[in-house]
C-alpha atoms as a PDB file:
ATOM      1  CA  MET A   1      -7.016 -60.568 -49.693  1.00  0.00           C
ATOM      2  CA  ASN A   2      -8.363 -59.222 -46.309  1.00  0.00           C
ATOM      3  CA  ARG A   3     -11.937 -57.870 -45.843  1.00  0.00           C
ATOM      4  CA  SER A   4     -11.141 -54.213 -46.045  1.00  0.00           C
ATOM      5  CA  THR A   5      -9.122 -54.769 -49.297  1.00  0.00           C
ATOM      6  CA  ALA A   6     -12.025 -56.861 -50.894  1.00  0.00           C
ATOM      7  CA  GLY A   7     -14.519 -54.215 -49.798  1.00  0.00           C
ATOM      8  CA  PHE A   8     -12.445 -51.511 -51.412  1.00  0.00           C
ATOM      9  CA  VAL A   9     -12.198 -53.461 -54.606  1.00  0.00           C
ATOM     10  CA  ILE A  10     -15.985 -54.121 -54.621  1.00  0.00           C
ATOM     11  CA  MET A  11     -16.726 -50.380 -53.970  1.00  0.00           C
ATOM     12  CA  ALA A  12     -14.308 -49.242 -56.664  1.00  0.00           C
ATOM     13  CA  ALA A  13     -15.816 -51.565 -59.137  1.00  0.00           C
ATOM     14  CA  MET A  14     -19.336 -50.417 -58.455  1.00  0.00           C
ATOM     15  CA  SER A  15     -18.354 -46.949 -58.824  1.00  0.00           C
ATOM     16  CA  LEU A  16     -16.982 -47.426 -62.406  1.00  0.00           C
ATOM     17  CA  GLY A  17     -19.672 -45.845 -64.750  1.00  0.00           C
ATOM     18  CA  VAL A  18     -22.703 -47.558 -63.351  1.00  0.00           C
ATOM     19  CA  PRO A  19     -25.382 -45.125 -62.905  1.00  0.00           C
ATOM     20  CA  PRO A  20     -27.770 -45.533 -59.898  1.00  0.00           C
ATOM     21  CA  ALA A  21     -31.062 -47.064 -60.776  1.00  0.00           C
ATOM     22  CA  GLN A  22     -33.691 -44.310 -61.015  1.00  0.00           C
ATOM     23  CA  ALA A  23     -37.223 -45.133 -60.057  1.00  0.00           C
ATOM     24  CA  GLY A  24     -39.980 -43.328 -61.899  1.00  0.00           C
ATOM     25  CA  PRO A  25     -42.785 -41.311 -60.187  1.00  0.00           C
ATOM     26  CA  CYS A  26     -45.032 -44.179 -59.871  1.00  0.00           C
ATOM     27  CA  SER A  27     -42.590 -47.125 -59.238  1.00  0.00           C
ATOM     28  CA  ALA A  28     -43.238 -47.558 -55.463  1.00  0.00           C
ATOM     29  CA  ASP A  29     -47.206 -47.374 -56.134  1.00  0.00           C
ATOM     30  CA  ILE A  30     -46.856 -49.852 -58.862  1.00  0.00           C
ATOM     31  CA  ALA A  31     -44.822 -52.138 -56.730  1.00  0.00           C
ATOM     32  CA  ARG A  32     -47.343 -52.019 -53.869  1.00  0.00           C
ATOM     33  CA  PHE A  33     -50.313 -52.646 -56.152  1.00  0.00           C
ATOM     34  CA  GLU A  34     -48.607 -55.736 -57.801  1.00  0.00           C
ATOM     35  CA  GLU A  35     -47.902 -57.060 -54.345  1.00  0.00           C
ATOM     36  CA  ALA A  36     -51.625 -56.493 -53.391  1.00  0.00           C
ATOM     37  CA  VAL A  37     -52.672 -58.308 -56.664  1.00  0.00           C
ATOM     38  CA  ARG A  38     -50.343 -61.291 -55.924  1.00  0.00           C
ATOM     39  CA  ALA A  39     -51.736 -61.365 -52.191  1.00  0.00           C
ATOM     40  CA  SER A  40     -55.285 -61.555 -53.524  1.00  0.00           C
ATOM     41  CA  ALA A  41     -54.643 -64.495 -55.720  1.00  0.00           C
ATOM     42  CA  GLY A  42     -56.333 -66.922 -53.442  1.00  0.00           C
ATOM     43  CA  LYS A  43     -59.365 -64.972 -52.880  1.00  0.00           C
ATOM     44  CA  PRO A  44     -62.549 -66.057 -54.703  1.00  0.00           C
ATOM     45  CA  ASP A  45     -63.832 -62.753 -55.830  1.00  0.00           C
ATOM     46  CA  ALA A  46     -60.395 -61.229 -56.602  1.00  0.00           C
ATOM     47  CA  GLY A  47     -59.516 -60.548 -60.173  1.00  0.00           C
ATOM     48  CA  ALA A  48     -60.047 -58.211 -63.168  1.00  0.00           C
ATOM     49  CA  PHE A  49     -63.468 -57.149 -63.965  1.00  0.00           C
ATOM     50  CA  ALA A  50     -65.216 -55.063 -66.507  1.00  0.00           C
ATOM     51  CA  PRO A  51     -68.595 -53.279 -66.490  1.00  0.00           C
ATOM     52  CA  GLN A  52     -71.546 -55.457 -67.403  1.00  0.00           C
ATOM     53  CA  SER A  53     -72.229 -55.573 -70.979  1.00  0.00           C
ATOM     54  CA  VAL A  54     -75.613 -54.608 -72.628  1.00  0.00           C
ATOM     55  CA  GLY A  55     -75.979 -58.197 -73.765  1.00  0.00           C
ATOM     56  CA  ALA A  56     -75.604 -59.418 -70.182  1.00  0.00           C
ATOM     57  CA  GLN A  57     -78.518 -57.319 -69.144  1.00  0.00           C
ATOM     58  CA  THR A  58     -81.028 -59.029 -71.307  1.00  0.00           C
ATOM     59  CA  ASP A  59     -83.097 -62.009 -70.503  1.00  0.00           C
ATOM     60  CA  ARG A  60     -80.693 -64.554 -71.703  1.00  0.00           C
ATOM     61  CA  GLU A  61     -78.536 -66.475 -69.260  1.00  0.00           C
ATOM     62  CA  PRO A  62     -74.731 -66.247 -69.813  1.00  0.00           C
ATOM     63  CA  THR A  63     -73.007 -69.456 -70.966  1.00  0.00           C
ATOM     64  CA  PRO A  64     -69.805 -70.734 -69.626  1.00  0.00           C
ATOM     65  CA  ALA A  65     -68.086 -69.777 -72.869  1.00  0.00           C
ATOM     66  CA  SER A  66     -69.555 -66.252 -72.617  1.00  0.00           C
ATOM     67  CA  ILE A  67     -68.446 -65.762 -69.164  1.00  0.00           C
ATOM     68  CA  ALA A  68     -64.882 -67.232 -70.002  1.00  0.00           C
ATOM     69  CA  ARG A  69     -64.664 -64.646 -72.904  1.00  0.00           C
ATOM     70  CA  ALA A  70     -65.707 -61.744 -70.690  1.00  0.00           C
ATOM     71  CA  ASN A  71     -63.120 -62.730 -68.024  1.00  0.00           C
ATOM     72  CA  GLN A  72     -60.527 -63.077 -70.771  1.00  0.00           C
ATOM     73  CA  ARG A  73     -61.283 -59.556 -72.062  1.00  0.00           C
ATOM     74  CA  ALA A  74     -61.295 -58.096 -68.511  1.00  0.00           C
ATOM     75  CA  ARG A  75     -57.790 -59.602 -67.837  1.00  0.00           C
ATOM     76  CA  ALA A  76     -56.457 -58.349 -71.113  1.00  0.00           C
ATOM     77  CA  ALA A  77     -57.786 -54.840 -70.539  1.00  0.00           C
ATOM     78  CA  PHE A  78     -56.244 -54.717 -67.105  1.00  0.00           C
ATOM     79  CA  ASN A  79     -53.021 -56.049 -68.414  1.00  0.00           C
ATOM     80  CA  ARG A  80     -52.788 -53.461 -70.878  1.00  0.00           C
ATOM     81  CA  ALA A  81     -53.713 -50.709 -68.468  1.00  0.00           C
ATOM     82  CA  LEU A  82     -50.973 -51.876 -66.098  1.00  0.00           C
ATOM     83  CA  ALA A  83     -48.426 -52.146 -68.840  1.00  0.00           C
ATOM     84  CA  ARG A  84     -49.276 -48.571 -69.870  1.00  0.00           C
ATOM     85  CA  ALA A  85     -48.726 -47.380 -66.308  1.00  0.00           C
ATOM     86  CA  LYS A  86     -45.431 -49.133 -66.247  1.00  0.00           C
ATOM     87  CA  ARG A  87     -44.200 -47.732 -69.750  1.00  0.00           C
ATOM     88  CA  LEU A  88     -45.182 -44.245 -68.454  1.00  0.00           C
ATOM     89  CA  ASP A  89     -43.320 -44.760 -65.250  1.00  0.00           C
ATOM     90  CA  ALA A  90     -40.235 -46.024 -66.922  1.00  0.00           C
ATOM     91  CA  ARG A  91     -40.280 -42.654 -69.032  1.00  0.00           C
ATOM     92  CA  GLY A  92     -40.551 -40.567 -65.916  1.00  0.00           C
ATOM     93  CA  ASP A  93     -43.940 -39.453 -67.259  1.00  0.00           C
ATOM     94  CA  ALA A  94     -46.388 -38.471 -64.423  1.00  0.00           C
ATOM     95  CA  ARG A  95     -49.283 -39.561 -66.358  1.00  0.00           C
ATOM     96  CA  CYS A  96     -48.431 -43.086 -64.837  1.00  0.00           C
ATOM     97  CA  THR A  97     -50.550 -42.079 -61.903  1.00  0.00           C
ATOM     98  CA  ALA A  98     -53.747 -41.834 -63.710  1.00  0.00           C
ATOM     99  CA  ALA A  99     -52.897 -44.837 -65.754  1.00  0.00           C
ATOM    100  CA  LEU A 100     -52.247 -46.937 -62.425  1.00  0.00           C
ATOM    101  CA  GLU A 101     -55.455 -45.556 -60.986  1.00  0.00           C
ATOM    102  CA  ARG A 102     -57.256 -46.892 -64.097  1.00  0.00           C
ATOM    103  CA  ALA A 103     -55.634 -50.346 -63.754  1.00  0.00           C
ATOM    104  CA  GLU A 104     -56.541 -50.365 -59.940  1.00  0.00           C
ATOM    105  CA  GLY A 105     -60.118 -49.501 -60.837  1.00  0.00           C
ATOM    106  CA  MET A 106     -60.233 -52.650 -63.129  1.00  0.00           C
ATOM    107  CA  TYR A 107     -59.085 -55.097 -60.469  1.00  0.00           C
ATOM    108  CA  ASN A 108     -60.899 -56.372 -57.367  1.00  0.00           C
ATOM    109  CA  LEU A 109     -58.488 -57.110 -54.629  1.00  0.00           C
ATOM    110  CA  HIS A 110     -61.332 -58.741 -52.366  1.00  0.00           C
END
């Protein structure tokens, strides 16, 4: 089979009822943000964060366990927010923009 015949066969096979992939309204922004999150992995201050709790504002010193729990909760909340943005995006729902902004606000890239 020569190259032009092979190319024709491949193009014909690709056009048989295969719908083109549709990107949601936030797909590109989500991809850029996820790339930035991956790029920040080695930075010491990068990561999910949450507002300081009332308990953290008292005179008590945080324990390693309480810090670990707070970090775990912050990561879980960030993961939920990003997952929501992706779900809305997959549905074509423009509210994915606000959901992504919420996730971005929960993650320090520096």
